[in-house]
Protein backbone atom coordinates (compact mmCIF):
# COMPACT_ATOMS: atom_id res chain seq x y z
CA MET A 1 -51.28 29.46 0.90
CA LYS A 2 -50.65 27.84 -2.50
CA LYS A 3 -47.76 30.28 -3.22
CA ARG A 4 -46.11 29.43 0.06
CA ILE A 5 -46.27 25.71 -0.69
CA VAL A 6 -44.75 26.21 -4.15
CA LEU A 7 -41.94 28.38 -2.74
CA ARG A 8 -41.15 25.83 -0.06
CA SER A 9 -41.10 23.05 -2.65
CA LYS A 10 -38.60 24.97 -4.82
CA LEU A 11 -36.33 25.64 -1.85
CA LEU A 12 -36.38 21.97 -0.86
CA TRP A 13 -35.56 20.99 -4.46
CA ILE A 14 -32.62 23.44 -4.59
CA PHE A 15 -31.22 22.21 -1.25
CA SER A 16 -31.57 18.59 -2.35
CA ILE A 17 -29.74 19.20 -5.62
CA SER A 18 -26.97 21.18 -3.82
CA SER A 19 -26.53 18.34 -1.32
CA LEU A 20 -26.25 15.78 -4.08
CA LEU A 21 -23.72 17.89 -5.99
CA ALA A 22 -21.64 18.38 -2.83
CA GLN A 23 -21.31 14.61 -2.46
CA ALA A 24 -21.20 13.66 -6.14
CA GLN A 25 -18.32 11.99 -7.96
CA VAL A 26 -17.39 13.29 -11.38
CA GLY A 27 -16.62 10.71 -14.01
CA ILE A 28 -15.41 11.60 -17.49
CA ASN A 29 -15.71 8.90 -20.14
CA ILE A 30 -16.56 6.39 -17.41
CA LYS A 31 -19.98 5.34 -16.09
CA THR A 32 -18.89 4.34 -12.58
CA PRO A 33 -16.04 6.43 -11.09
CA ASN A 34 -13.71 4.59 -8.75
CA THR A 35 -14.76 4.54 -5.09
CA GLY A 36 -13.02 7.17 -3.01
CA THR A 37 -12.42 9.64 -5.85
CA TRP A 38 -13.90 13.05 -6.55
CA LEU A 39 -12.75 13.02 -10.17
CA HIS A 40 -12.08 10.03 -12.42
CA VAL A 41 -11.06 10.45 -16.05
CA ASP A 42 -10.81 7.37 -18.27
CA ALA A 43 -9.19 8.59 -21.49
CA LYS A 44 -9.82 5.38 -23.45
CA GLY A 45 -13.11 4.55 -21.78
CA ASN A 46 -12.02 0.96 -21.19
CA THR A 47 -11.50 0.76 -17.40
CA SER A 48 -13.17 -2.21 -15.74
CA GLY A 49 -12.64 -2.33 -11.99
CA SER A 50 -8.87 -2.29 -11.53
CA LEU A 51 -8.12 -3.29 -15.13
CA ASN A 52 -6.98 -1.03 -17.97
CA THR A 53 -6.10 1.92 -15.69
CA SER A 54 -2.86 2.98 -17.40
CA ASP A 55 -4.66 5.91 -19.10
CA ASP A 56 -6.73 6.96 -16.07
CA VAL A 57 -6.38 10.13 -14.00
CA VAL A 58 -8.01 10.44 -10.57
CA ILE A 59 -8.24 12.92 -7.72
CA THR A 60 -9.07 11.24 -4.43
CA LYS A 61 -11.06 12.61 -1.51
CA ASP A 62 -7.71 13.08 0.27
CA GLY A 63 -6.52 15.42 -2.48
CA ASN A 64 -4.02 12.98 -4.00
CA VAL A 65 -3.61 12.87 -7.77
CA GLY A 66 -3.05 9.56 -9.51
CA ILE A 67 -1.95 9.04 -13.11
CA GLY A 68 -2.06 5.44 -14.23
CA THR A 69 -3.28 4.37 -10.79
CA LEU A 70 -6.66 4.50 -9.03
CA SER A 71 -5.19 4.61 -5.52
CA PRO A 72 -2.44 7.28 -5.35
CA LYS A 73 -0.30 7.07 -2.21
CA ALA A 74 1.19 10.58 -2.50
CA ARG A 75 0.17 14.07 -3.61
CA LEU A 76 1.22 13.00 -7.10
CA ASP A 77 1.52 9.28 -7.85
CA ILE A 78 2.46 8.27 -11.39
CA VAL A 79 2.51 4.67 -12.58
CA THR A 80 3.79 4.04 -16.09
CA THR A 81 5.55 1.45 -18.21
CA ALA A 82 9.16 1.02 -19.22
CA THR A 83 8.40 2.37 -22.70
CA THR A 84 6.47 5.46 -21.60
CA PRO A 85 8.44 8.14 -19.69
CA PHE A 86 6.59 9.24 -16.56
CA MET A 87 7.55 12.90 -16.97
CA ARG A 88 8.94 15.34 -19.53
CA ILE A 89 10.24 18.81 -18.66
CA VAL A 90 11.36 21.14 -21.42
CA ASP A 91 12.95 24.34 -20.08
CA GLY A 92 15.54 24.98 -22.78
CA LYS A 93 18.30 23.43 -20.64
CA GLN A 94 17.34 19.80 -21.18
CA GLY A 95 19.92 17.47 -22.67
CA THR A 96 21.51 14.05 -22.50
CA ASN A 97 22.62 13.03 -18.98
CA LYS A 98 21.30 16.24 -17.39
CA VAL A 99 20.05 16.07 -13.79
CA LEU A 100 17.15 17.95 -12.20
CA ARG A 101 18.27 20.27 -9.40
CA SER A 102 16.22 22.58 -7.19
CA ASP A 103 17.07 25.85 -5.49
CA ASN A 104 16.20 26.79 -1.90
CA ALA A 105 12.66 27.68 -2.95
CA GLY A 106 12.06 24.33 -4.63
CA ASN A 107 12.28 25.65 -8.21
CA ALA A 108 13.82 22.95 -10.38
CA SER A 109 15.76 23.09 -13.65
CA TRP A 110 18.04 20.85 -15.68
CA VAL A 111 21.79 21.16 -15.00
CA ASP A 112 24.92 19.30 -16.05
CA MET A 113 25.73 16.26 -13.97
CA PRO A 114 28.53 17.07 -11.50
CA THR A 115 31.80 15.48 -12.48
CA THR A 116 33.67 13.30 -10.02
CA MET A 117 36.99 13.60 -11.83
CA GLY A 118 39.77 14.54 -9.43
CA ALA A 119 42.38 17.26 -9.87
CA ASN A 120 45.76 16.84 -8.21
CA TYR A 121 47.81 19.69 -6.72
CA ASN A 122 51.40 19.23 -5.56
CA VAL A 123 53.00 21.26 -2.79
CA THR A 124 56.54 21.56 -4.10
CA GLY A 125 59.09 24.21 -4.94
CA SER A 126 60.89 25.01 -1.72
CA LEU A 127 61.82 23.89 1.78
CA ILE A 128 58.88 24.91 3.97
CA SER A 129 58.62 24.86 7.76
CA TYR A 130 55.23 24.97 9.52
CA ALA A 131 55.75 26.43 13.00
CA ASN A 132 54.04 25.22 16.15
CA ASN A 133 50.66 26.92 16.91
CA ALA A 134 50.82 29.05 13.76
CA TYR A 135 47.98 29.00 11.23
CA THR A 136 49.69 28.66 7.87
CA LEU A 137 48.22 28.35 4.40
CA VAL A 138 49.33 25.14 2.66
CA LYS A 139 47.51 25.61 -0.63
CA ALA A 140 44.76 27.74 -2.22
CA ILE A 141 42.90 25.59 -4.74
CA PRO A 142 40.67 27.09 -7.48
CA VAL A 143 37.20 25.58 -7.90
CA SER A 144 34.97 25.67 -10.95
CA GLY A 145 31.58 26.42 -9.41
CA ALA A 146 29.08 25.97 -6.60
CA GLY A 147 28.69 22.50 -5.14
CA TYR A 148 30.14 20.00 -2.70
CA TYR A 149 33.87 19.26 -2.77
CA GLN A 150 36.07 16.71 -1.06
CA ILE A 151 39.83 16.88 -0.84
CA GLY A 152 42.33 14.20 0.08
CA VAL A 153 45.46 15.48 1.82
CA ARG A 154 48.38 13.12 1.13
CA TRP A 155 51.10 14.33 3.45
CA TRP A 156 54.81 13.53 3.22
CA GLY A 157 57.28 15.28 5.53
CA VAL A 158 59.17 15.32 8.83
CA SER A 159 58.83 16.81 12.30
CA THR A 160 61.89 18.37 13.89
CA ALA A 161 60.65 17.55 17.41
CA SER A 162 58.10 15.40 19.24
CA ASN A 163 56.75 15.20 22.78
CA GLY A 164 57.75 12.74 25.52
CA ASN A 165 55.57 10.03 23.95
CA LYS A 166 57.39 10.40 20.63
CA SER A 167 54.31 11.89 19.00
CA THR A 168 53.60 14.96 16.94
CA ALA A 169 50.30 16.33 15.68
CA ALA A 170 48.72 18.99 13.51
CA ILE A 171 45.22 20.22 12.74
CA PHE A 172 44.22 20.76 9.12
CA TYR A 173 41.47 23.28 8.29
CA LEU A 174 39.54 23.55 5.03
CA ALA A 175 38.07 27.00 4.37
CA THR A 176 36.34 28.69 1.44
CA SER A 177 37.46 32.04 0.07
CA THR A 178 37.38 34.45 -2.86
CA ASN A 179 41.16 34.96 -2.91
CA THR A 180 44.49 33.14 -2.50
CA ALA A 181 45.91 35.20 0.39
CA ASN A 182 47.42 33.61 3.50
CA ASN A 183 44.99 35.36 5.86
CA TRP A 184 43.74 33.16 8.68
CA THR A 185 42.08 36.11 10.45
CA ALA A 186 39.73 36.56 7.50
CA ASP A 187 39.38 32.89 6.56
CA GLN A 188 38.71 31.33 9.97
CA ALA A 189 35.03 32.33 9.80
CA ASN A 190 34.70 30.29 6.60
CA VAL A 191 36.20 27.02 7.85
CA LYS A 192 33.96 24.16 6.65
CA ASP A 193 35.87 21.15 7.97
CA GLN A 194 38.85 20.29 10.15
CA ALA A 195 40.69 17.24 11.45
CA GLU A 196 43.69 16.56 13.69
CA LYS A 197 46.34 13.99 12.79
CA TYR A 198 48.70 12.36 15.33
CA VAL A 199 51.94 10.70 14.22
CA TYR A 200 54.27 8.59 16.41
CA LEU A 201 57.94 8.73 15.45
CA ASP A 202 61.47 9.65 16.46
CA ASN A 203 62.61 13.18 15.77
CA GLY A 204 63.56 13.74 12.16
CA GLU A 205 61.86 10.58 10.86
CA THR A 206 59.88 10.88 7.65
CA PHE A 207 56.15 10.18 7.92
CA CYS A 208 53.20 10.10 5.55
CA PHE A 209 49.42 9.81 5.84
CA ALA A 210 46.16 10.59 4.03
CA LEU A 211 43.37 12.78 5.41
CA PRO A 212 39.96 13.62 3.85
CA LEU A 213 38.17 16.97 4.28
CA SER A 214 35.05 18.37 2.62
CA ALA A 215 33.33 21.70 2.02
CA LYS A 216 30.37 23.28 0.27
CA ILE A 217 31.07 26.09 -2.17
CA THR A 218 28.36 28.68 -2.81
CA THR A 219 29.83 31.85 -4.33
CA GLU A 220 33.49 31.41 -3.33
CA THR A 221 36.17 30.58 -5.90
CA TYR A 222 38.86 28.91 -3.77
CA LEU A 223 39.32 26.14 -1.25
CA LYS A 224 42.07 26.91 1.25
CA LEU A 225 43.95 24.31 3.26
CA TYR A 226 45.53 25.59 6.48
CA ILE A 227 47.76 23.74 8.95
CA ARG A 228 48.48 24.35 12.63
CA VAL A 229 51.08 22.12 14.33
CA THR A 230 49.77 21.39 17.85
CA VAL A 231 52.27 18.86 19.25
CA GLY A 232 56.01 18.80 18.56
CA GLY A 233 57.16 20.44 15.40
CA PRO A 234 57.84 22.41 13.43
CA TRP A 235 56.71 20.20 10.53
CA ARG A 236 58.88 20.49 7.43
CA ILE A 237 58.42 19.51 3.78
CA GLY A 238 60.93 19.52 0.93
CA THR A 239 63.70 18.01 3.09
CA ALA A 240 64.29 15.09 0.72
CA SER A 241 63.64 17.10 -2.45
CA THR A 242 62.01 20.41 -3.21
CA THR A 243 60.87 19.31 -6.67
CA ASN A 244 60.01 15.61 -6.45
CA ALA A 245 56.21 15.35 -6.02
CA THR A 246 56.50 11.87 -4.50
CA TRP A 247 58.48 13.22 -1.53
CA ASN A 248 56.19 16.16 -0.83
CA PRO A 249 52.52 16.65 0.08
CA SER A 250 49.83 16.60 -2.58
CA ILE A 251 46.12 17.41 -2.51
CA VAL A 252 43.53 15.71 -4.72
CA VAL A 253 40.21 17.55 -5.16
CA TYR A 254 36.88 15.98 -6.12
CA ARG A 255 33.57 17.61 -6.84
CA ILE A 256 30.89 15.30 -5.44
């Protein structure tokens, strides 16, 4: 009988200790861990209530981690001062004015900040006619790498004919490609943006306008601008001069 009582007493003691440990808070260098935390580390040992918490690290019962705060509002919540950086990542690519960029899997690394400097391309050299309902390449523009690009089409030209409302129109398509060929059949699957422009005028009058288009480059090396005249036409460029850039279309390209 005495052995049974001793065995039962030991089991009760073990269960009691396990229950206490399951509910216990762990405090390191602090006598009273903050309420609502499983782990509270006070590096300097000077925390008093909500004071002197800049060196504290906590893990709450919700699983949030706080550095410099006792009540993290996110999975990782860092509160620091203007003189102490909140994070430092050294991957061999760090440098002045670098930006942190992630891939599709969320892996991050330092990269050069994208430049927003524009490059201008003129469409000059000959008298060109863009026929009605024909998909024609205006310009193949080389790009320097993956990213988002925006182009501004600054058109200058004439239309040889208009409809009964004295209007003419064309659709511009921006596609991505690995070559400079005028091949709409191959490029139409890679069109990233398009827009239609209507112009009201008498036949033969010169007109001009600006039109923005954008695209994302992944592995391609060219942006291709195509035109299809949908109303009136053909549209012609180079009628005033085949060499003067002011009297012909131009395309400005930005990496954004």
